[in-house]
Amino acid sequence: MKCPFCGYHEDKVIDSRPTDEDTRIRRRRECESCAKRFTTYEVIENLPMVVVKRDRTRESFDRTKLLGGMIRACHKRLVSVEALELAADRIEAQILNSLDREIVSAVIGEYVMETLREIDEVAYVRFASVYREFKDIHSFSEEIDRMKGAGRP
């Protein structure tokens, strides 16, 4: 850390404490050259996640859109919003914890389908029908057969 008073590059930390609901750390430092004290703040850097869509366009990841799609799939089903929010949190963490800063929308769709399959099978089929662009009743039937083959009654 460069001293704001003399420009020297060596200092020592006198005090550290969390601030802003533990999202930043405040550090009191003392320059080893001029002995003046100054304060720095350490913040976790959140790099934006970019979603690559089917048409190759890119947009920032939006948790609201993720949750909205799940809520639409669960319309008139006995699934609480809290359960969907927790599921969206898990999916978001899975996305943000990847080392890549870009993710293909198809991967997000697969994460959502896996999660909805555990929560509500009807919501899963609804989401899959839109996501996989089912064209007819035969597509629905194949997906239901696939679910049965995976150990689902």
C-alpha atoms as a PDB file:
ATOM      1  CA  MET A   1       0.000   0.000   0.000  1.00  0.00           C
ATOM      2  CA  LYS A   2       1.406   3.383  -0.974  1.00  0.00           C
ATOM      3  CA  CYS A   3       1.358   6.063   1.758  1.00  0.00           C
ATOM      4  CA  PRO A   4      -0.877   8.967   0.656  1.00  0.00           C
ATOM      5  CA  PHE A   5       1.417  11.429   2.467  1.00  0.00           C
ATOM      6  CA  CYS A   6       4.976  10.477   1.453  1.00  0.00           C
ATOM      7  CA  GLY A   7       4.481   7.761  -1.184  1.00  0.00           C
ATOM      8  CA  TYR A   8       6.482   5.120   0.704  1.00  0.00           C
ATOM      9  CA  HIS A   9       5.397   1.543  -0.086  1.00  0.00           C
ATOM     10  CA  GLU A  10       5.777  -0.083   3.331  1.00  0.00           C
ATOM     11  CA  ASP A  11       3.210   0.205   6.135  1.00  0.00           C
ATOM     12  CA  LYS A  12       1.822  -1.786   9.013  1.00  0.00           C
ATOM     13  CA  VAL A  13      -1.779  -2.508   9.869  1.00  0.00           C
ATOM     14  CA  ILE A  14      -2.750  -1.030  13.249  1.00  0.00           C
ATOM     15  CA  ASP A  15      -6.400  -2.101  13.368  1.00  0.00           C
ATOM     16  CA  SER A  16      -8.876  -4.101  11.211  1.00  0.00           C
ATOM     17  CA  ARG A  17     -12.618  -4.292  11.615  1.00  0.00           C
ATOM     18  CA  PRO A  18     -15.601  -5.226   9.456  1.00  0.00           C
ATOM     19  CA  THR A  19     -17.980  -2.517   8.243  1.00  0.00           C
ATOM     20  CA  ASP A  20     -21.171  -2.323   6.142  1.00  0.00           C
ATOM     21  CA  GLU A  21     -22.690  -5.584   7.370  1.00  0.00           C
ATOM     22  CA  ASP A  22     -19.392  -7.432   6.871  1.00  0.00           C
ATOM     23  CA  THR A  23     -19.097  -6.529   3.189  1.00  0.00           C
ATOM     24  CA  ARG A  24     -15.968  -4.399   3.651  1.00  0.00           C
ATOM     25  CA  ILE A  25     -13.004  -4.363   6.009  1.00  0.00           C
ATOM     26  CA  ARG A  26     -11.691  -1.088   7.386  1.00  0.00           C
ATOM     27  CA  ARG A  27      -7.949  -1.063   8.054  1.00  0.00           C
ATOM     28  CA  ARG A  28      -5.990   1.600   9.938  1.00  0.00           C
ATOM     29  CA  ARG A  29      -2.434   1.700   8.651  1.00  0.00           C
ATOM     30  CA  GLU A  30       0.736   3.474   9.708  1.00  0.00           C
ATOM     31  CA  CYS A  31       3.462   4.399   7.235  1.00  0.00           C
ATOM     32  CA  GLU A  32       6.853   2.968   8.237  1.00  0.00           C
ATOM     33  CA  SER A  33       8.628   6.011   6.811  1.00  0.00           C
ATOM     34  CA  CYS A  34       6.695   9.110   7.967  1.00  0.00           C
ATOM     35  CA  ALA A  35       4.652   7.394  10.755  1.00  0.00           C
ATOM     36  CA  LYS A  36       1.419   9.052   9.589  1.00  0.00           C
ATOM     37  CA  ARG A  37      -1.760   7.024   9.791  1.00  0.00           C
ATOM     38  CA  PHE A  38      -4.353   6.473   7.104  1.00  0.00           C
ATOM     39  CA  THR A  39      -7.429   4.310   6.528  1.00  0.00           C
ATOM     40  CA  THR A  40      -8.061   1.845   3.711  1.00  0.00           C
ATOM     41  CA  TYR A  41     -11.113  -0.241   2.882  1.00  0.00           C
ATOM     42  CA  GLU A  42     -10.955  -3.735   1.482  1.00  0.00           C
ATOM     43  CA  VAL A  43     -13.896  -4.876  -0.656  1.00  0.00           C
ATOM     44  CA  ILE A  44     -14.565  -8.215  -2.304  1.00  0.00           C
ATOM     45  CA  GLU A  45     -14.446  -7.684  -6.031  1.00  0.00           C
ATOM     46  CA  ASN A  46     -17.477  -9.150  -7.742  1.00  0.00           C
ATOM     47  CA  LEU A  47     -16.771  -9.641 -11.399  1.00  0.00           C
ATOM     48  CA  PRO A  48     -19.888  -9.608 -13.530  1.00  0.00           C
ATOM     49  CA  MET A  49     -21.066 -12.920 -14.942  1.00  0.00           C
ATOM     50  CA  VAL A  50     -21.971 -12.759 -18.620  1.00  0.00           C
ATOM     51  CA  VAL A  51     -24.599 -15.070 -20.105  1.00  0.00           C
ATOM     52  CA  VAL A  52     -24.110 -16.164 -23.714  1.00  0.00           C
ATOM     53  CA  LYS A  53     -27.566 -16.660 -25.200  1.00  0.00           C
ATOM     54  CA  ARG A  54     -28.628 -19.017 -28.020  1.00  0.00           C
ATOM     55  CA  ASP A  55     -28.317 -16.263 -30.633  1.00  0.00           C
ATOM     56  CA  ARG A  56     -24.732 -15.570 -29.395  1.00  0.00           C
ATOM     57  CA  THR A  57     -25.669 -12.230 -27.812  1.00  0.00           C
ATOM     58  CA  ARG A  58     -24.328 -11.530 -24.351  1.00  0.00           C
ATOM     59  CA  GLU A  59     -25.983  -9.995 -21.328  1.00  0.00           C
ATOM     60  CA  SER A  60     -25.241  -9.714 -17.629  1.00  0.00           C
ATOM     61  CA  PHE A  61     -26.491 -12.516 -15.409  1.00  0.00           C
ATOM     62  CA  ASP A  62     -29.775 -11.503 -13.778  1.00  0.00           C
ATOM     63  CA  ARG A  63     -30.980 -13.482 -10.772  1.00  0.00           C
ATOM     64  CA  THR A  64     -34.407 -11.853 -11.123  1.00  0.00           C
ATOM     65  CA  LYS A  65     -34.882 -13.452 -14.547  1.00  0.00           C
ATOM     66  CA  LEU A  66     -33.774 -16.813 -13.177  1.00  0.00           C
ATOM     67  CA  LEU A  67     -36.237 -16.648 -10.295  1.00  0.00           C
ATOM     68  CA  GLY A  68     -39.001 -15.311 -12.550  1.00  0.00           C
ATOM     69  CA  GLY A  69     -38.723 -18.316 -14.865  1.00  0.00           C
ATOM     70  CA  MET A  70     -38.915 -20.688 -11.925  1.00  0.00           C
ATOM     71  CA  ILE A  71     -41.945 -18.881 -10.491  1.00  0.00           C
ATOM     72  CA  ARG A  72     -43.735 -19.064 -13.861  1.00  0.00           C
ATOM     73  CA  ALA A  73     -43.033 -22.809 -14.075  1.00  0.00           C
ATOM     74  CA  CYS A  74     -44.523 -23.272 -10.581  1.00  0.00           C
ATOM     75  CA  HIS A  75     -47.648 -21.183 -11.256  1.00  0.00           C
ATOM     76  CA  LYS A  76     -50.646 -22.680  -9.377  1.00  0.00           C
ATOM     77  CA  ARG A  77     -48.422 -25.377  -7.850  1.00  0.00           C
ATOM     78  CA  LEU A  78     -47.914 -25.915  -4.121  1.00  0.00           C
ATOM     79  CA  VAL A  79     -44.350 -24.583  -4.143  1.00  0.00           C
ATOM     80  CA  SER A  80     -43.454 -21.731  -1.830  1.00  0.00           C
ATOM     81  CA  VAL A  81     -41.631 -18.661  -3.041  1.00  0.00           C
ATOM     82  CA  GLU A  82     -39.127 -19.245  -0.237  1.00  0.00           C
ATOM     83  CA  ALA A  83     -38.271 -22.676  -1.668  1.00  0.00           C
ATOM     84  CA  LEU A  84     -37.767 -21.126  -5.096  1.00  0.00           C
ATOM     85  CA  GLU A  85     -35.621 -18.329  -3.667  1.00  0.00           C
ATOM     86  CA  LEU A  86     -33.409 -20.888  -1.913  1.00  0.00           C
ATOM     87  CA  ALA A  87     -33.162 -22.850  -5.150  1.00  0.00           C
ATOM     88  CA  ALA A  88     -32.276 -19.666  -7.059  1.00  0.00           C
ATOM     89  CA  ASP A  89     -29.600 -18.924  -4.436  1.00  0.00           C
ATOM     90  CA  ARG A  90     -28.073 -22.377  -4.977  1.00  0.00           C
ATOM     91  CA  ILE A  91     -28.114 -21.998  -8.754  1.00  0.00           C
ATOM     92  CA  GLU A  92     -26.652 -18.484  -8.562  1.00  0.00           C
ATOM     93  CA  ALA A  93     -23.867 -19.688  -6.247  1.00  0.00           C
ATOM     94  CA  GLN A  94     -23.140 -22.551  -8.624  1.00  0.00           C
ATOM     95  CA  ILE A  95     -22.872 -20.093 -11.522  1.00  0.00           C
ATOM     96  CA  LEU A  96     -20.823 -17.470  -9.698  1.00  0.00           C
ATOM     97  CA  ASN A  97     -18.435 -20.019  -8.189  1.00  0.00           C
ATOM     98  CA  SER A  98     -17.337 -21.208 -11.604  1.00  0.00           C
ATOM     99  CA  LEU A  99     -13.937 -19.984 -12.730  1.00  0.00           C
ATOM    100  CA  ASP A 100     -15.294 -18.680 -16.025  1.00  0.00           C
ATOM    101  CA  ARG A 101     -16.838 -15.221 -16.274  1.00  0.00           C
ATOM    102  CA  GLU A 102     -19.094 -16.338 -19.136  1.00  0.00           C
ATOM    103  CA  ILE A 103     -21.720 -19.057 -19.030  1.00  0.00           C
ATOM    104  CA  VAL A 104     -23.883 -20.407 -21.818  1.00  0.00           C
ATOM    105  CA  SER A 105     -27.618 -19.988 -21.183  1.00  0.00           C
ATOM    106  CA  ALA A 106     -28.106 -23.702 -21.923  1.00  0.00           C
ATOM    107  CA  VAL A 107     -26.052 -24.559 -18.830  1.00  0.00           C
ATOM    108  CA  ILE A 108     -28.230 -22.304 -16.684  1.00  0.00           C
ATOM    109  CA  GLY A 109     -31.328 -23.948 -18.163  1.00  0.00           C
ATOM    110  CA  GLU A 110     -29.996 -27.384 -17.226  1.00  0.00           C
ATOM    111  CA  TYR A 111     -29.303 -26.199 -13.654  1.00  0.00           C
ATOM    112  CA  VAL A 112     -32.877 -24.894 -13.409  1.00  0.00           C
ATOM    113  CA  MET A 113     -34.353 -28.109 -14.794  1.00  0.00           C
ATOM    114  CA  GLU A 114     -32.342 -30.253 -12.342  1.00  0.00           C
ATOM    115  CA  THR A 115     -33.536 -28.094  -9.465  1.00  0.00           C
ATOM    116  CA  LEU A 116     -37.191 -27.989 -10.546  1.00  0.00           C
ATOM    117  CA  ARG A 117     -37.171 -31.736 -11.042  1.00  0.00           C
ATOM    118  CA  GLU A 118     -36.350 -32.111  -7.328  1.00  0.00           C
ATOM    119  CA  ILE A 119     -38.945 -29.535  -6.252  1.00  0.00           C
ATOM    120  CA  ASP A 120     -41.967 -30.288  -8.451  1.00  0.00           C
ATOM    121  CA  GLU A 121     -42.209 -32.609 -11.458  1.00  0.00           C
ATOM    122  CA  VAL A 122     -45.024 -30.660 -13.114  1.00  0.00           C
ATOM    123  CA  ALA A 123     -43.020 -27.439 -12.865  1.00  0.00           C
ATOM    124  CA  TYR A 124     -40.056 -29.319 -14.313  1.00  0.00           C
ATOM    125  CA  VAL A 125     -42.070 -30.461 -17.349  1.00  0.00           C
ATOM    126  CA  ARG A 126     -43.506 -26.955 -17.815  1.00  0.00           C
ATOM    127  CA  PHE A 127     -40.036 -25.403 -17.761  1.00  0.00           C
ATOM    128  CA  ALA A 128     -38.593 -28.129 -19.995  1.00  0.00           C
ATOM    129  CA  SER A 129     -41.399 -27.651 -22.525  1.00  0.00           C
ATOM    130  CA  VAL A 130     -40.457 -24.011 -22.999  1.00  0.00           C
ATOM    131  CA  TYR A 131     -36.711 -24.447 -22.585  1.00  0.00           C
ATOM    132  CA  ARG A 132     -36.417 -27.410 -24.937  1.00  0.00           C
ATOM    133  CA  GLU A 133     -39.079 -25.994 -27.269  1.00  0.00           C
ATOM    134  CA  PHE A 134     -41.400 -29.006 -27.335  1.00  0.00           C
ATOM    135  CA  LYS A 135     -43.230 -29.013 -30.651  1.00  0.00           C
ATOM    136  CA  ASP A 136     -46.000 -31.518 -29.938  1.00  0.00           C
ATOM    137  CA  ILE A 137     -47.476 -33.986 -27.440  1.00  0.00           C
ATOM    138  CA  HIS A 138     -44.906 -36.585 -28.519  1.00  0.00           C
ATOM    139  CA  SER A 139     -42.138 -34.343 -27.103  1.00  0.00           C
ATOM    140  CA  PHE A 140     -43.962 -34.182 -23.777  1.00  0.00           C
ATOM    141  CA  SER A 141     -44.415 -37.944 -23.756  1.00  0.00           C
ATOM    142  CA  GLU A 142     -40.713 -38.554 -24.433  1.00  0.00           C
ATOM    143  CA  GLU A 143     -39.726 -36.260 -21.564  1.00  0.00           C
ATOM    144  CA  ILE A 144     -42.103 -37.999 -19.163  1.00  0.00           C
ATOM    145  CA  ASP A 145     -40.734 -41.392 -20.267  1.00  0.00           C
ATOM    146  CA  ARG A 146     -37.209 -40.075 -19.659  1.00  0.00           C
ATOM    147  CA  MET A 147     -38.266 -39.013 -16.145  1.00  0.00           C
ATOM    148  CA  LYS A 148     -39.730 -42.457 -15.458  1.00  0.00           C
ATOM    149  CA  GLY A 149     -36.559 -44.113 -16.714  1.00  0.00           C
ATOM    150  CA  ALA A 150     -34.495 -42.015 -14.291  1.00  0.00           C
ATOM    151  CA  GLY A 151     -36.231 -43.632 -11.331  1.00  0.00           C
ATOM    152  CA  ARG A 152     -39.226 -41.328 -11.069  1.00  0.00           C
ATOM    153  CA  PRO A 153     -42.689 -42.942 -10.783  1.00  0.00           C
END
